Amino acid sequence: MAVPDPAAVRALVAAVVGRVLGPESAGPVPSNERPVTLAAPGRPARIVDWTRPMSGDTRPVPTPAAPAPGRRRVPAAAAAVPDPARTVAIGGDHGGYMLKQALARYLREELRWAVIDCGAHSTEAVDYPDIARAVGEAVASGRAARGVVIDGAGIGSTMAANRVPGVRCALCHDMTTVLNSREHNDANVLALGSAIVNGGLARRMVEVWLKTPFAGGRHSRRVDKIMELERLRAPGAERTE
């Protein structure tokens, strides 16, 4: 069998290609050149607008449960207002930020208390008296029933919070001090040292502190005397026996 001439084969292939794809495609590609492959255009970043949900991108929208027969549906705005009696104001400086974040989440998700976050909102350095004052004022004004302040040792925040009229801040580091602060002293602000108590102990302390009632009785007289000391700090106040 005769071997076909390579030149004749190329000419035949070129003729067929020219008839199918047009005369521009019929010419042979030079051996020293390679076809240029154009890069696919870059795909733009996808921006999902949740206000305009698309198929596959929708977030589930909770449907409010139907009210029980005979009961009026509470407007959403009214339902969103927290009950001050179930509200905790919490704050921590840069040293207490991580523990503050964990406790705030625990209060909301596990203990079901509303939370007023008085900062700080990062580990950037802040002054703990500012945080303690914000927590103390939230409690003293009635916006929150209880407060929690956190710094490295808890001492500075305790001093600052107790300068806010109406605040009885107790620095606690175990269950014994937690129980005593509530039963005997009716503490309304709890101070914690993030370098003293770990996260697990802090969660248990906060839970017990919130659930422990004031014992009253003879302790009421003593707490009244603690609060009477605030009057002595007023300018020109005179002590009466």
Protein backbone atom coordinates (compact mmCIF):
# COMPACT_ATOMS: atom_id res chain seq x y z
CA MET A 1 0.00 0.00 0.00
CA ALA A 2 1.38 3.36 -1.05
CA VAL A 3 2.13 5.91 1.69
CA PRO A 4 0.02 9.10 1.17
CA ASP A 5 1.87 12.31 0.52
CA PRO A 6 1.72 14.48 3.73
CA ALA A 7 1.38 17.65 1.67
CA ALA A 8 -1.60 16.21 -0.20
CA VAL A 9 -3.24 15.21 3.08
CA ARG A 10 -2.82 18.74 4.49
CA ALA A 11 -4.27 20.22 1.33
CA LEU A 12 -7.27 17.87 1.49
CA VAL A 13 -7.92 18.67 5.17
CA ALA A 14 -7.64 22.41 4.48
CA ALA A 15 -10.15 22.15 1.66
CA VAL A 16 -12.68 20.30 3.87
CA VAL A 17 -12.26 22.79 6.73
CA GLY A 18 -12.65 25.67 4.32
CA ARG A 19 -15.95 24.32 3.03
CA VAL A 20 -17.31 23.76 6.58
CA LEU A 21 -16.00 26.79 8.52
CA GLY A 22 -15.31 29.31 5.82
CA PRO A 23 -12.26 30.33 3.88
CA GLU A 24 -10.66 32.20 6.82
CA SER A 25 -10.25 28.94 8.72
CA ALA A 26 -8.81 26.96 5.83
CA GLY A 27 -5.24 28.20 6.08
CA PRO A 28 -2.76 26.05 8.00
CA VAL A 29 -1.56 27.26 11.34
CA PRO A 30 2.18 28.04 11.21
CA SER A 31 4.22 25.54 13.19
CA ASN A 32 5.93 28.33 15.16
CA GLU A 33 2.69 29.78 16.48
CA ARG A 34 0.18 28.40 18.97
CA PRO A 35 -3.48 29.34 19.14
CA VAL A 36 -4.08 32.08 21.69
CA THR A 37 -6.57 31.05 24.37
CA LEU A 38 -8.51 34.02 25.65
CA ALA A 39 -9.03 34.07 29.44
CA ALA A 40 -12.61 33.79 30.56
CA PRO A 41 -13.95 37.08 31.88
CA GLY A 42 -13.67 37.37 35.67
CA ARG A 43 -16.83 36.44 37.58
CA PRO A 44 -18.03 39.35 39.68
CA ALA A 45 -18.38 38.81 43.41
CA ARG A 46 -21.90 37.88 44.35
CA ILE A 47 -23.68 40.30 46.60
CA VAL A 48 -26.75 38.88 48.28
CA ASP A 49 -29.41 41.42 49.10
CA TRP A 50 -31.50 39.80 51.81
CA THR A 51 -34.23 42.40 51.29
CA ARG A 52 -34.81 40.85 47.88
CA PRO A 53 -34.60 37.10 48.42
CA MET A 54 -34.00 34.92 45.39
CA SER A 55 -34.46 31.23 44.85
CA GLY A 56 -31.94 29.38 46.97
CA ASP A 57 -30.95 32.47 48.93
CA THR A 58 -33.96 33.03 51.11
CA ARG A 59 -33.63 33.10 54.85
CA PRO A 60 -36.48 31.54 56.77
CA VAL A 61 -38.83 34.21 58.02
CA PRO A 62 -40.36 33.18 61.34
CA THR A 63 -44.12 33.13 61.31
CA PRO A 64 -45.65 34.37 64.56
CA ALA A 65 -47.67 31.71 66.30
CA ALA A 66 -51.40 32.16 66.22
CA PRO A 67 -52.78 33.55 69.48
CA ALA A 68 -54.75 31.24 71.70
CA PRO A 69 -58.54 31.49 71.35
CA GLY A 70 -59.87 34.51 73.17
CA ARG A 71 -56.44 36.15 73.53
CA ARG A 72 -55.39 39.30 71.71
CA ARG A 73 -52.22 39.20 69.66
CA VAL A 74 -49.53 41.38 71.25
CA PRO A 75 -47.99 43.84 68.76
CA ALA A 76 -44.38 43.02 67.88
CA ALA A 77 -43.13 46.39 69.15
CA ALA A 78 -44.74 45.86 72.54
CA ALA A 79 -43.44 42.31 72.81
CA ALA A 80 -39.89 43.50 72.14
CA VAL A 81 -39.79 45.78 75.19
CA PRO A 82 -37.81 43.95 77.88
CA ASP A 83 -39.14 43.60 81.40
CA PRO A 84 -36.81 45.55 83.73
CA ALA A 85 -37.38 42.90 86.40
CA ARG A 86 -35.78 40.35 84.03
CA THR A 87 -33.03 42.62 82.69
CA VAL A 88 -29.33 42.55 83.58
CA ALA A 89 -26.93 45.40 82.77
CA ILE A 90 -23.47 43.98 82.14
CA GLY A 91 -20.15 45.62 81.41
CA GLY A 92 -16.46 44.87 81.44
CA ASP A 93 -13.28 46.70 80.60
CA HIS A 94 -10.72 45.37 78.12
CA GLY A 95 -9.58 42.79 80.66
CA GLY A 96 -13.13 41.60 81.24
CA TYR A 97 -14.32 41.82 77.63
CA MET A 98 -14.13 38.11 76.78
CA LEU A 99 -15.86 37.01 79.99
CA LYS A 100 -18.46 39.74 79.54
CA GLN A 101 -19.27 38.48 76.04
CA ALA A 102 -19.64 34.90 77.24
CA LEU A 103 -21.83 35.84 80.20
CA ALA A 104 -24.05 38.12 78.11
CA ARG A 105 -24.70 35.26 75.71
CA TYR A 106 -25.33 32.89 78.61
CA LEU A 107 -27.79 35.33 80.20
CA ARG A 108 -29.74 35.73 76.97
CA GLU A 109 -29.72 32.21 75.60
CA GLU A 110 -29.67 30.00 78.69
CA LEU A 111 -31.10 32.01 81.57
CA ARG A 112 -33.52 33.98 79.34
CA TRP A 113 -32.77 37.40 80.81
CA ALA A 114 -32.70 40.55 78.73
CA VAL A 115 -29.26 42.15 78.61
CA ILE A 116 -28.12 45.77 78.48
CA ASP A 117 -24.54 45.69 77.18
CA CYS A 118 -22.67 48.66 78.66
CA GLY A 119 -19.39 47.83 76.90
CA ALA A 120 -16.58 47.53 76.29
CA HIS A 121 -17.08 46.31 72.74
CA SER A 122 -13.51 45.18 72.05
CA THR A 123 -10.25 44.45 73.83
CA GLU A 124 -9.04 47.98 73.19
CA ALA A 125 -8.04 49.61 76.47
CA VAL A 126 -10.78 51.53 78.30
CA ASP A 127 -11.23 52.91 81.82
CA TYR A 128 -13.18 50.58 84.09
CA PRO A 129 -14.84 53.41 86.10
CA ASP A 130 -16.73 54.45 82.96
CA ILE A 131 -18.07 50.94 82.46
CA ALA A 132 -18.95 50.47 86.13
CA ARG A 133 -20.76 53.81 86.18
CA ALA A 134 -22.84 52.85 83.12
CA VAL A 135 -23.86 49.55 84.71
CA GLY A 136 -24.58 51.17 88.07
CA GLU A 137 -26.73 53.90 86.55
CA ALA A 138 -28.74 51.35 84.56
CA VAL A 139 -29.54 49.54 87.81
CA ALA A 140 -30.13 52.66 89.92
CA SER A 141 -32.48 54.12 87.29
CA GLY A 142 -34.60 50.97 87.20
CA ARG A 143 -33.80 50.03 83.60
CA ALA A 144 -32.24 46.83 84.92
CA ALA A 145 -32.94 44.87 88.07
CA ARG A 146 -29.37 43.62 88.42
CA GLY A 147 -25.93 44.43 87.10
CA VAL A 148 -22.63 42.65 86.51
CA VAL A 149 -19.26 44.42 86.25
CA ILE A 150 -16.03 42.71 85.23
CA ASP A 151 -12.38 43.67 85.12
CA GLY A 152 -9.14 41.80 85.75
CA ALA A 153 -9.48 41.53 89.54
CA GLY A 154 -12.94 43.09 90.03
CA ILE A 155 -11.68 45.46 92.73
CA GLY A 156 -11.65 48.71 90.76
CA SER A 157 -15.05 48.10 89.24
CA THR A 158 -16.46 47.40 92.70
CA MET A 159 -15.13 50.68 94.04
CA ALA A 160 -16.47 52.64 91.08
CA ALA A 161 -19.91 51.00 91.00
CA ASN A 162 -20.44 51.60 94.72
CA ARG A 163 -19.99 55.34 94.15
CA VAL A 164 -23.24 55.37 92.15
CA PRO A 165 -26.13 56.17 94.53
CA GLY A 166 -28.46 53.22 94.93
CA VAL A 167 -25.88 50.59 94.02
CA ARG A 168 -24.75 47.81 96.35
CA CYS A 169 -21.94 46.12 94.45
CA ALA A 170 -20.39 42.94 95.86
CA LEU A 171 -17.09 41.49 94.66
CA CYS A 172 -17.48 37.71 94.71
CA HIS A 173 -15.09 34.91 93.88
CA ASP A 174 -16.96 31.74 94.91
CA MET A 175 -20.40 30.40 95.76
CA THR A 176 -20.13 31.33 99.43
CA THR A 177 -19.59 35.00 98.69
CA VAL A 178 -22.31 34.94 96.02
CA LEU A 179 -24.90 33.57 98.42
CA ASN A 180 -23.88 35.93 101.20
CA SER A 181 -24.03 38.97 98.93
CA ARG A 182 -27.65 38.24 98.07
CA GLU A 183 -29.03 36.77 101.30
CA HIS A 184 -27.38 39.21 103.72
CA ASN A 185 -26.53 42.30 101.66
CA ASP A 186 -29.19 42.38 98.92
CA ALA A 187 -26.45 43.17 96.38
CA ASN A 188 -27.83 44.48 93.11
CA VAL A 189 -24.52 44.52 91.24
CA LEU A 190 -22.11 41.59 91.07
CA ALA A 191 -18.40 42.23 90.44
CA LEU A 192 -16.17 39.53 88.98
CA GLY A 193 -12.46 39.32 88.27
CA SER A 194 -11.75 37.69 84.93
CA ALA A 195 -8.30 36.69 86.19
CA ILE A 196 -9.78 35.17 89.36
CA VAL A 197 -12.77 33.10 88.18
CA ASN A 198 -12.94 31.00 85.04
CA GLY A 199 -15.84 31.00 82.60
CA GLY A 200 -17.59 27.92 83.95
CA LEU A 201 -17.49 29.10 87.55
CA ALA A 202 -18.59 32.60 86.50
CA ARG A 203 -21.67 31.20 84.77
CA ARG A 204 -22.67 29.19 87.86
CA MET A 205 -22.05 32.20 90.09
CA VAL A 206 -24.23 34.48 87.97
CA GLU A 207 -27.05 31.94 87.85
CA VAL A 208 -27.04 31.39 91.62
CA TRP A 209 -26.71 35.12 92.26
CA LEU A 210 -29.77 35.90 90.13
CA LYS A 211 -31.88 33.16 91.72
CA THR A 212 -31.00 33.82 95.37
CA PRO A 213 -33.51 36.05 97.18
CA PHE A 214 -32.72 38.56 99.91
CA ALA A 215 -33.32 37.00 103.34
CA GLY A 216 -34.73 40.18 104.88
CA GLY A 217 -35.35 40.17 108.62
CA ARG A 218 -32.44 41.49 110.65
CA HIS A 219 -30.49 41.95 107.41
CA SER A 220 -32.96 44.60 106.23
CA ARG A 221 -31.99 46.88 109.11
CA ARG A 222 -28.32 46.52 108.25
CA VAL A 223 -28.82 47.14 104.56
CA ASP A 224 -30.81 50.26 105.43
CA LYS A 225 -27.82 51.48 107.43
CA ILE A 226 -25.57 50.84 104.43
CA MET A 227 -27.79 52.98 102.26
CA GLU A 228 -27.95 55.65 104.97
CA LEU A 229 -24.20 56.13 104.49
CA GLU A 230 -24.94 57.64 101.08
CA ARG A 231 -26.57 60.60 102.83
CA LEU A 232 -23.35 61.32 104.68
CA ARG A 233 -21.58 61.80 101.36
CA ALA A 234 -23.90 64.65 100.41
CA PRO A 235 -22.33 68.12 100.81
CA GLY A 236 -23.20 69.63 104.20
CA ALA A 237 -24.84 66.47 105.48
CA GLU A 238 -24.81 66.05 109.26
CA ARG A 239 -24.66 62.79 111.10
CA THR A 240 -27.52 62.04 113.45
CA GLU A 241 -27.31 59.44 116.19
